[in-house]
PDB file of N, CA and C in Angstrom:
ATOM      1  N   ASN A   1     -14.343  13.486  54.906  1.00  0.00           N
ATOM      2  CA  ASN A   1     -15.134  12.262  55.224  1.00  0.00           C
ATOM      3  C   ASN A   1     -15.799  11.827  53.916  1.00  0.00           C
ATOM      4  N   LYS A   2     -15.468  10.669  53.442  1.00  0.00           N
ATOM      5  CA  LYS A   2     -16.032  10.155  52.226  1.00  0.00           C
ATOM      6  C   LYS A   2     -17.438   9.764  52.238  1.00  0.00           C
ATOM      7  N   ALA A   3     -17.890   9.338  53.405  1.00  0.00           N
ATOM      8  CA  ALA A   3     -19.345   8.949  53.620  1.00  0.00           C
ATOM      9  C   ALA A   3     -20.252  10.098  53.707  1.00  0.00           C
ATOM     10  N   ARG A   4     -19.717  11.307  53.934  1.00  0.00           N
ATOM     11  CA  ARG A   4     -20.448  12.569  54.064  1.00  0.00           C
ATOM     12  C   ARG A   4     -21.445  12.448  55.124  1.00  0.00           C
ATOM     13  N   LEU A   5     -21.033  11.921  56.303  1.00  0.00           N
ATOM     14  CA  LEU A   5     -21.831  11.818  57.515  1.00  0.00           C
ATOM     15  C   LEU A   5     -21.378  12.876  58.507  1.00  0.00           C
ATOM     16  N   GLU A   6     -22.316  13.459  59.169  1.00  0.00           N
ATOM     17  CA  GLU A   6     -22.047  14.362  60.262  1.00  0.00           C
ATOM     18  C   GLU A   6     -21.595  13.531  61.488  1.00  0.00           C
ATOM     19  N   SER A   7     -20.662  14.057  62.122  1.00  0.00           N
ATOM     20  CA  SER A   7     -20.151  13.293  63.353  1.00  0.00           C
ATOM     21  C   SER A   7     -21.195  13.012  64.424  1.00  0.00           C
ATOM     22  N   SER A   8     -22.214  13.773  64.386  1.00  0.00           N
ATOM     23  CA  SER A   8     -23.383  13.583  65.300  1.00  0.00           C
ATOM     24  C   SER A   8     -24.201  12.408  64.910  1.00  0.00           C
ATOM     25  N   GLU A   9     -24.024  11.847  63.681  1.00  0.00           N
ATOM     26  CA  GLU A   9     -24.797  10.695  63.209  1.00  0.00           C
ATOM     27  C   GLU A   9     -24.129   9.380  63.487  1.00  0.00           C
ATOM     28  N   TYR A  10     -23.023   9.312  64.055  1.00  0.00           N
ATOM     29  CA  TYR A  10     -22.363   7.979  64.358  1.00  0.00           C
ATOM     30  C   TYR A  10     -21.445   8.174  65.562  1.00  0.00           C
ATOM     31  N   LYS A  11     -21.070   7.030  66.134  1.00  0.00           N
ATOM     32  CA  LYS A  11     -20.216   7.057  67.236  1.00  0.00           C
ATOM     33  C   LYS A  11     -18.990   6.238  66.885  1.00  0.00           C
ATOM     34  N   SER A  12     -17.825   6.774  67.078  1.00  0.00           N
ATOM     35  CA  SER A  12     -16.604   6.030  66.795  1.00  0.00           C
ATOM     36  C   SER A  12     -15.901   5.746  68.097  1.00  0.00           C
ATOM     37  N   LYS A  13     -15.085   4.783  68.143  1.00  0.00           N
ATOM     38  CA  LYS A  13     -14.403   4.374  69.387  1.00  0.00           C
ATOM     39  C   LYS A  13     -13.052   3.802  68.981  1.00  0.00           C
ATOM     40  N   VAL A  14     -11.988   4.094  69.828  1.00  0.00           N
ATOM     41  CA  VAL A  14     -10.706   3.457  69.666  1.00  0.00           C
ATOM     42  C   VAL A  14     -10.575   2.464  70.803  1.00  0.00           C
ATOM     43  N   ILE A  15     -10.167   1.264  70.400  1.00  0.00           N
ATOM     44  CA  ILE A  15     -10.041   0.211  71.435  1.00  0.00           C
ATOM     45  C   ILE A  15      -8.490  -0.252  71.350  1.00  0.00           C
ATOM     46  N   ILE A  16      -7.906  -0.333  72.536  1.00  0.00           N
ATOM     47  CA  ILE A  16      -6.484  -0.773  72.618  1.00  0.00           C
ATOM     48  C   ILE A  16      -6.491  -2.160  73.194  1.00  0.00           C
ATOM     49  N   GLY A  17      -5.857  -3.095  72.571  1.00  0.00           N
ATOM     50  CA  GLY A  17      -5.715  -4.405  73.188  1.00  0.00           C
ATOM     51  C   GLY A  17      -4.494  -5.135  72.512  1.00  0.00           C
ATOM     52  N   GLU A  18      -4.007  -6.188  73.255  1.00  0.00           N
ATOM     53  CA  GLU A  18      -2.916  -7.013  72.634  1.00  0.00           C
ATOM     54  C   GLU A  18      -3.383  -7.879  71.473  1.00  0.00           C
ATOM     55  N   ASP A  19      -4.629  -8.408  71.547  1.00  0.00           N
ATOM     56  CA  ASP A  19      -5.111  -9.201  70.473  1.00  0.00           C
ATOM     57  C   ASP A  19      -6.226  -8.410  69.811  1.00  0.00           C
ATOM     58  N   VAL A  20      -5.923  -7.850  68.614  1.00  0.00           N
ATOM     59  CA  VAL A  20      -6.891  -6.936  67.902  1.00  0.00           C
ATOM     60  C   VAL A  20      -8.155  -7.715  67.620  1.00  0.00           C
ATOM     61  N   GLU A  21      -8.063  -8.947  67.153  1.00  0.00           N
ATOM     62  CA  GLU A  21      -9.226  -9.630  66.825  1.00  0.00           C
ATOM     63  C   GLU A  21     -10.171  -9.837  68.016  1.00  0.00           C
ATOM     64  N   LYS A  22      -9.557 -10.325  69.102  1.00  0.00           N
ATOM     65  CA  LYS A  22     -10.365 -10.502  70.344  1.00  0.00           C
ATOM     66  C   LYS A  22     -11.065  -9.315  70.888  1.00  0.00           C
ATOM     67  N   ALA A  23     -10.266  -8.160  70.873  1.00  0.00           N
ATOM     68  CA  ALA A  23     -10.712  -6.944  71.379  1.00  0.00           C
ATOM     69  C   ALA A  23     -11.850  -6.437  70.592  1.00  0.00           C
ATOM     70  N   ILE A  24     -11.778  -6.501  69.248  1.00  0.00           N
ATOM     71  CA  ILE A  24     -12.877  -6.051  68.374  1.00  0.00           C
ATOM     72  C   ILE A  24     -14.117  -6.969  68.523  1.00  0.00           C
ATOM     73  N   LEU A  25     -13.882  -8.242  68.429  1.00  0.00           N
ATOM     74  CA  LEU A  25     -15.014  -9.228  68.591  1.00  0.00           C
ATOM     75  C   LEU A  25     -15.771  -9.103  69.902  1.00  0.00           C
ATOM     76  N   LYS A  26     -15.006  -8.663  70.996  1.00  0.00           N
ATOM     77  CA  LYS A  26     -15.647  -8.424  72.240  1.00  0.00           C
ATOM     78  C   LYS A  26     -16.492  -7.142  72.199  1.00  0.00           C
ATOM     79  N   GLU A  27     -15.961  -6.077  71.611  1.00  0.00           N
ATOM     80  CA  GLU A  27     -16.529  -4.750  71.645  1.00  0.00           C
ATOM     81  C   GLU A  27     -17.810  -4.779  70.759  1.00  0.00           C
ATOM     82  N   VAL A  28     -17.775  -5.532  69.661  1.00  0.00           N
ATOM     83  CA  VAL A  28     -19.033  -5.444  68.743  1.00  0.00           C
ATOM     84  C   VAL A  28     -20.275  -5.933  69.420  1.00  0.00           C
ATOM     85  N   GLN A  29     -20.114  -6.753  70.406  1.00  0.00           N
ATOM     86  CA  GLN A  29     -21.332  -7.186  71.188  1.00  0.00           C
ATOM     87  C   GLN A  29     -22.127  -6.070  71.764  1.00  0.00           C
ATOM     88  N   ASN A  30     -21.554  -4.913  71.957  1.00  0.00           N
ATOM     89  CA  ASN A  30     -22.127  -3.815  72.657  1.00  0.00           C
ATOM     90  C   ASN A  30     -22.971  -2.933  71.737  1.00  0.00           C
ATOM     91  N   TYR A  31     -23.060  -3.247  70.437  1.00  0.00           N
ATOM     92  CA  TYR A  31     -23.747  -2.386  69.541  1.00  0.00           C
ATOM     93  C   TYR A  31     -24.710  -3.119  68.696  1.00  0.00           C
ATOM     94  N   ASP A  32     -25.780  -2.441  68.211  1.00  0.00           N
ATOM     95  CA  ASP A  32     -26.758  -3.020  67.430  1.00  0.00           C
ATOM     96  C   ASP A  32     -26.517  -3.000  65.962  1.00  0.00           C
ATOM     97  N   THR A  33     -25.626  -1.966  65.558  1.00  0.00           N
ATOM     98  CA  THR A  33     -25.215  -1.854  64.160  1.00  0.00           C
ATOM     99  C   THR A  33     -23.737  -1.498  64.100  1.00  0.00           C
ATOM    100  N   ILE A  34     -23.068  -2.194  63.201  1.00  0.00           N
ATOM    101  CA  ILE A  34     -21.547  -1.916  63.045  1.00  0.00           C
ATOM    102  C   ILE A  34     -21.342  -1.774  61.625  1.00  0.00           C
ATOM    103  N   CYS A  35     -20.382  -0.766  61.281  1.00  0.00           N
ATOM    104  CA  CYS A  35     -19.950  -0.538  59.955  1.00  0.00           C
ATOM    105  C   CYS A  35     -18.463  -0.786  60.020  1.00  0.00           C
ATOM    106  N   ILE A  36     -17.899  -1.651  59.137  1.00  0.00           N
ATOM    107  CA  ILE A  36     -16.481  -1.990  59.168  1.00  0.00           C
ATOM    108  C   ILE A  36     -15.952  -2.027  57.786  1.00  0.00           C
ATOM    109  N   GLY A  37     -14.791  -1.568  57.566  1.00  0.00           N
ATOM    110  CA  GLY A  37     -14.127  -1.573  56.314  1.00  0.00           C
ATOM    111  C   GLY A  37     -13.572  -2.964  55.890  1.00  0.00           C
ATOM    112  N   GLY A  38     -13.623  -3.317  54.595  1.00  0.00           N
ATOM    113  CA  GLY A  38     -12.990  -4.539  54.183  1.00  0.00           C
ATOM    114  C   GLY A  38     -11.463  -4.509  54.297  1.00  0.00           C
ATOM    115  N   THR A  39     -10.915  -5.640  54.323  1.00  0.00           N
ATOM    116  CA  THR A  39      -9.353  -5.782  54.477  1.00  0.00           C
ATOM    117  C   THR A  39      -8.868  -6.091  53.098  1.00  0.00           C
ATOM    118  N   GLU A  40      -7.554  -5.800  52.966  1.00  0.00           N
ATOM    119  CA  GLU A  40      -6.822  -6.022  51.667  1.00  0.00           C
ATOM    120  C   GLU A  40      -5.811  -7.075  51.794  1.00  0.00           C
ATOM    121  N   HIS A  41      -6.157  -8.416  52.074  1.00  0.00           N
ATOM    122  CA  HIS A  41      -5.307  -9.504  52.125  1.00  0.00           C
ATOM    123  C   HIS A  41      -5.190 -10.203  50.832  1.00  0.00           C
ATOM    124  N   SER A  42      -4.147 -10.963  50.745  1.00  0.00           N
ATOM    125  CA  SER A  42      -4.022 -11.729  49.466  1.00  0.00           C
ATOM    126  C   SER A  42      -5.123 -12.795  49.485  1.00  0.00           C
ATOM    127  N   VAL A  43      -5.430 -13.188  48.235  1.00  0.00           N
ATOM    128  CA  VAL A  43      -6.473 -14.219  48.010  1.00  0.00           C
ATOM    129  C   VAL A  43      -6.126 -15.548  48.854  1.00  0.00           C
ATOM    130  N   LEU A  44      -4.876 -15.954  48.809  1.00  0.00           N
ATOM    131  CA  LEU A  44      -4.558 -17.165  49.504  1.00  0.00           C
ATOM    132  C   LEU A  44      -4.715 -16.959  50.934  1.00  0.00           C
ATOM    133  N   SER A  45      -4.209 -15.876  51.513  1.00  0.00           N
ATOM    134  CA  SER A  45      -4.413 -15.651  53.039  1.00  0.00           C
ATOM    135  C   SER A  45      -5.833 -15.529  53.366  1.00  0.00           C
ATOM    136  N   HIS A  46      -6.635 -14.878  52.566  1.00  0.00           N
ATOM    137  CA  HIS A  46      -8.085 -14.829  52.840  1.00  0.00           C
ATOM    138  C   HIS A  46      -8.713 -16.224  52.733  1.00  0.00           C
ATOM    139  N   THR A  47      -8.373 -17.058  51.809  1.00  0.00           N
ATOM    140  CA  THR A  47      -8.877 -18.378  51.749  1.00  0.00           C
ATOM    141  C   THR A  47      -8.618 -19.232  52.878  1.00  0.00           C
ATOM    142  N   ILE A  48      -7.400 -19.137  53.392  1.00  0.00           N
ATOM    143  CA  ILE A  48      -6.884 -19.996  54.481  1.00  0.00           C
ATOM    144  C   ILE A  48      -7.408 -19.519  55.811  1.00  0.00           C
ATOM    145  N   PHE A  49      -7.232 -18.277  56.133  1.00  0.00           N
ATOM    146  CA  PHE A  49      -7.538 -17.626  57.420  1.00  0.00           C
ATOM    147  C   PHE A  49      -8.924 -16.846  57.496  1.00  0.00           C
ATOM    148  N   GLY A  50      -9.488 -16.501  56.380  1.00  0.00           N
ATOM    149  CA  GLY A  50     -10.698 -15.672  56.502  1.00  0.00           C
ATOM    150  C   GLY A  50     -10.247 -14.315  56.730  1.00  0.00           C
ATOM    151  N   SER A  51     -11.163 -13.430  57.042  1.00  0.00           N
ATOM    152  CA  SER A  51     -10.842 -11.985  57.413  1.00  0.00           C
ATOM    153  C   SER A  51     -11.608 -11.518  58.548  1.00  0.00           C
ATOM    154  N   LEU A  52     -11.095 -10.486  59.234  1.00  0.00           N
ATOM    155  CA  LEU A  52     -11.648 -10.040  60.433  1.00  0.00           C
ATOM    156  C   LEU A  52     -13.081  -9.521  60.173  1.00  0.00           C
ATOM    157  N   PRO A  53     -13.345  -8.723  59.054  1.00  0.00           N
ATOM    158  CA  PRO A  53     -14.658  -8.308  58.832  1.00  0.00           C
ATOM    159  C   PRO A  53     -15.638  -9.445  58.717  1.00  0.00           C
ATOM    160  N   GLU A  54     -15.265 -10.573  58.032  1.00  0.00           N
ATOM    161  CA  GLU A  54     -16.114 -11.744  57.930  1.00  0.00           C
ATOM    162  C   GLU A  54     -16.354 -12.359  59.330  1.00  0.00           C
ATOM    163  N   LYS A  55     -15.285 -12.430  60.150  1.00  0.00           N
ATOM    164  CA  LYS A  55     -15.621 -13.019  61.617  1.00  0.00           C
ATOM    165  C   LYS A  55     -16.473 -12.085  62.375  1.00  0.00           C
ATOM    166  N   ILE A  56     -16.344 -10.757  62.168  1.00  0.00           N
ATOM    167  CA  ILE A  56     -17.287  -9.864  62.840  1.00  0.00           C
ATOM    168  C   ILE A  56     -18.701 -10.052  62.381  1.00  0.00           C
ATOM    169  N   GLY A  57     -18.850 -10.211  61.096  1.00  0.00           N
ATOM    170  CA  GLY A  57     -20.160 -10.412  60.388  1.00  0.00           C
ATOM    171  C   GLY A  57     -20.798 -11.733  60.996  1.00  0.00           C
ATOM    172  N   GLU A  58     -19.981 -12.761  61.148  1.00  0.00           N
ATOM    173  CA  GLU A  58     -20.569 -14.016  61.642  1.00  0.00           C
ATOM    174  C   GLU A  58     -20.812 -13.952  63.206  1.00  0.00           C
ATOM    175  N   THR A  59     -20.023 -13.197  63.957  1.00  0.00           N
ATOM    176  CA  THR A  59     -20.073 -13.123  65.369  1.00  0.00           C
ATOM    177  C   THR A  59     -21.113 -12.158  66.013  1.00  0.00           C
ATOM    178  N   ALA A  60     -21.178 -10.974  65.332  1.00  0.00           N
ATOM    179  CA  ALA A  60     -22.065  -9.877  65.866  1.00  0.00           C
ATOM    180  C   ALA A  60     -23.526 -10.305  65.853  1.00  0.00           C
ATOM    181  N   GLU A  61     -24.238  -9.927  66.880  1.00  0.00           N
ATOM    182  CA  GLU A  61     -25.662 -10.225  66.908  1.00  0.00           C
ATOM    183  C   GLU A  61     -26.438  -9.233  66.243  1.00  0.00           C
ATOM    184  N   GLY A  62     -26.023  -7.979  66.036  1.00  0.00           N
ATOM    185  CA  GLY A  62     -26.734  -6.980  65.410  1.00  0.00           C
ATOM    186  C   GLY A  62     -26.434  -6.938  63.844  1.00  0.00           C
ATOM    187  N   SER A  63     -26.845  -5.884  63.254  1.00  0.00           N
ATOM    188  CA  SER A  63     -26.492  -5.652  61.819  1.00  0.00           C
ATOM    189  C   SER A  63     -25.097  -5.283  61.635  1.00  0.00           C
ATOM    190  N   VAL A  64     -24.514  -5.779  60.530  1.00  0.00           N
ATOM    191  CA  VAL A  64     -23.087  -5.430  60.220  1.00  0.00           C
ATOM    192  C   VAL A  64     -23.063  -4.987  58.697  1.00  0.00           C
ATOM    193  N   VAL A  65     -22.526  -3.861  58.480  1.00  0.00           N
ATOM    194  CA  VAL A  65     -22.411  -3.301  57.120  1.00  0.00           C
ATOM    195  C   VAL A  65     -20.897  -3.357  56.784  1.00  0.00           C
ATOM    196  N   MET A  66     -20.521  -4.032  55.792  1.00  0.00           N
ATOM    197  CA  MET A  66     -19.066  -4.060  55.370  1.00  0.00           C
ATOM    198  C   MET A  66     -18.974  -3.181  54.147  1.00  0.00           C
ATOM    199  N   VAL A  67     -17.961  -2.251  54.122  1.00  0.00           N
ATOM    200  CA  VAL A  67     -17.756  -1.314  53.025  1.00  0.00           C
ATOM    201  C   VAL A  67     -16.389  -1.542  52.511  1.00  0.00           C
ATOM    202  N   LYS A  68     -16.187  -1.376  51.237  1.00  0.00           N
ATOM    203  CA  LYS A  68     -14.925  -1.470  50.608  1.00  0.00           C
ATOM    204  C   LYS A  68     -14.810  -0.515  49.404  1.00  0.00           C
ATOM    205  N   GLY A  69     -13.816   0.238  49.373  1.00  0.00           N
ATOM    206  CA  GLY A  69     -13.697   1.072  48.206  1.00  0.00           C
ATOM    207  C   GLY A  69     -13.298   0.311  46.957  1.00  0.00           C
ATOM    208  N   TYR A  70     -13.487   0.845  45.785  1.00  0.00           N
ATOM    209  CA  TYR A  70     -13.253   0.200  44.515  1.00  0.00           C
ATOM    210  C   TYR A  70     -11.848   0.168  44.296  1.00  0.00           C
ATOM    211  N   ARG A  71     -11.220  -0.966  43.927  1.00  0.00           N
ATOM    212  CA  ARG A  71      -9.810  -0.997  43.604  1.00  0.00           C
ATOM    213  C   ARG A  71      -9.639  -1.987  42.410  1.00  0.00           C
ATOM    214  N   LYS A  72      -9.140  -1.505  41.310  1.00  0.00           N
ATOM    215  CA  LYS A  72      -8.998  -2.338  40.103  1.00  0.00           C
ATOM    216  C   LYS A  72      -7.963  -3.432  40.496  1.00  0.00           C
ATOM    217  N   LYS A  73      -8.297  -4.715  40.035  1.00  0.00           N
ATOM    218  CA  LYS A  73      -7.494  -5.786  40.340  1.00  0.00           C
ATOM    219  C   LYS A  73      -6.445  -5.935  39.180  1.00  0.00           C
ATOM    220  N   ASP A  74      -5.184  -6.373  39.627  1.00  0.00           N
ATOM    221  CA  ASP A  74      -4.180  -6.660  38.673  1.00  0.00           C
ATOM    222  C   ASP A  74      -4.265  -8.101  38.151  1.00  0.00           C
ATOM    223  N   PHE A  75      -3.504  -8.410  37.231  1.00  0.00           N
ATOM    224  CA  PHE A  75      -3.504  -9.797  36.658  1.00  0.00           C
ATOM    225  C   PHE A  75      -3.282 -10.847  37.642  1.00  0.00           C
ATOM    226  N   LEU A  76      -2.330 -10.789  38.555  1.00  0.00           N
ATOM    227  CA  LEU A  76      -2.149 -11.772  39.538  1.00  0.00           C
ATOM    228  C   LEU A  76      -3.239 -11.934  40.476  1.00  0.00           C
ATOM    229  N   GLN A  77      -3.921 -10.854  40.846  1.00  0.00           N
ATOM    230  CA  GLN A  77      -5.057 -10.919  41.712  1.00  0.00           C
ATOM    231  C   GLN A  77      -6.271 -11.814  41.090  1.00  0.00           C
ATOM    232  N   LYS A  78      -6.437 -11.516  39.752  1.00  0.00           N
ATOM    233  CA  LYS A  78      -7.408 -12.278  39.033  1.00  0.00           C
ATOM    234  C   LYS A  78      -7.226 -13.708  38.936  1.00  0.00           C
ATOM    235  N   ILE A  79      -5.949 -14.031  38.731  1.00  0.00           N
ATOM    236  CA  ILE A  79      -5.463 -15.469  38.671  1.00  0.00           C
ATOM    237  C   ILE A  79      -5.716 -16.070  40.000  1.00  0.00           C
ATOM    238  N   GLY A  80      -5.247 -15.363  41.063  1.00  0.00           N
ATOM    239  CA  GLY A  80      -5.366 -15.944  42.430  1.00  0.00           C
ATOM    240  C   GLY A  80      -6.814 -16.188  42.922  1.00  0.00           C
ATOM    241  N   GLU A  81      -7.736 -15.352  42.396  1.00  0.00           N
ATOM    242  CA  GLU A  81      -9.094 -15.468  42.750  1.00  0.00           C
ATOM    243  C   GLU A  81      -9.688 -16.620  41.979  1.00  0.00           C
ATOM    244  N   LYS A  82      -9.272 -16.903  40.711  1.00  0.00           N
ATOM    245  CA  LYS A  82      -9.731 -18.089  40.007  1.00  0.00           C
ATOM    246  C   LYS A  82      -9.272 -19.440  40.639  1.00  0.00           C
ATOM    247  N   ILE A  83      -8.033 -19.375  41.123  1.00  0.00           N
ATOM    248  CA  ILE A  83      -7.402 -20.562  41.754  1.00  0.00           C
ATOM    249  C   ILE A  83      -8.197 -20.787  43.071  1.00  0.00           C
ATOM    250  N   ALA A  84      -8.498 -19.708  43.783  1.00  0.00           N
ATOM    251  CA  ALA A  84      -9.149 -19.829  45.077  1.00  0.00           C
ATOM    252  C   ALA A  84     -10.534 -20.418  44.933  1.00  0.00           C
ATOM    253  N   ARG A  85     -11.167 -20.097  43.798  1.00  0.00           N
ATOM    254  CA  ARG A  85     -12.574 -20.616  43.637  1.00  0.00           C
ATOM    255  C   ARG A  85     -12.472 -22.170  43.398  1.00  0.00           C
ATOM    256  N   LEU A  86     -11.494 -22.655  42.880  1.00  0.00           N
ATOM    257  CA  LEU A  86     -11.241 -24.082  42.665  1.00  0.00           C
ATOM    258  C   LEU A  86     -11.027 -24.930  43.942  1.00  0.00           C
ATOM    259  N   LEU A  87     -10.554 -24.244  44.992  1.00  0.00           N
ATOM    260  CA  LEU A  87     -10.266 -24.931  46.206  1.00  0.00           C
ATOM    261  C   LEU A  87     -11.486 -25.269  46.905  1.00  0.00           C
ATOM    262  N   PRO A  88     -11.437 -26.423  47.747  1.00  0.00           N
ATOM    263  CA  PRO A  88     -12.669 -26.772  48.489  1.00  0.00           C
ATOM    264  C   PRO A  88     -13.007 -25.862  49.566  1.00  0.00           C
TER     265      PRO A  88
END
């Protein structure tokens, strides 16, 4: 466990549903604090559709902590991010 948390310090839950986004967005309403990992979508996909962690952050009424591990960006990712910043 990378976070070095004891299992008694948090509650995890598996949710099964046909629409992942709807199932998660419905479930987060039952908690006052949520910790969710960041997604690894392309810059273009993220710009057009957003990401599930962002939607959870906007929708949840409690506190939302988003975590993401460090990952070095390659040349194409850097160019894609620069282009995305130019888009309205």
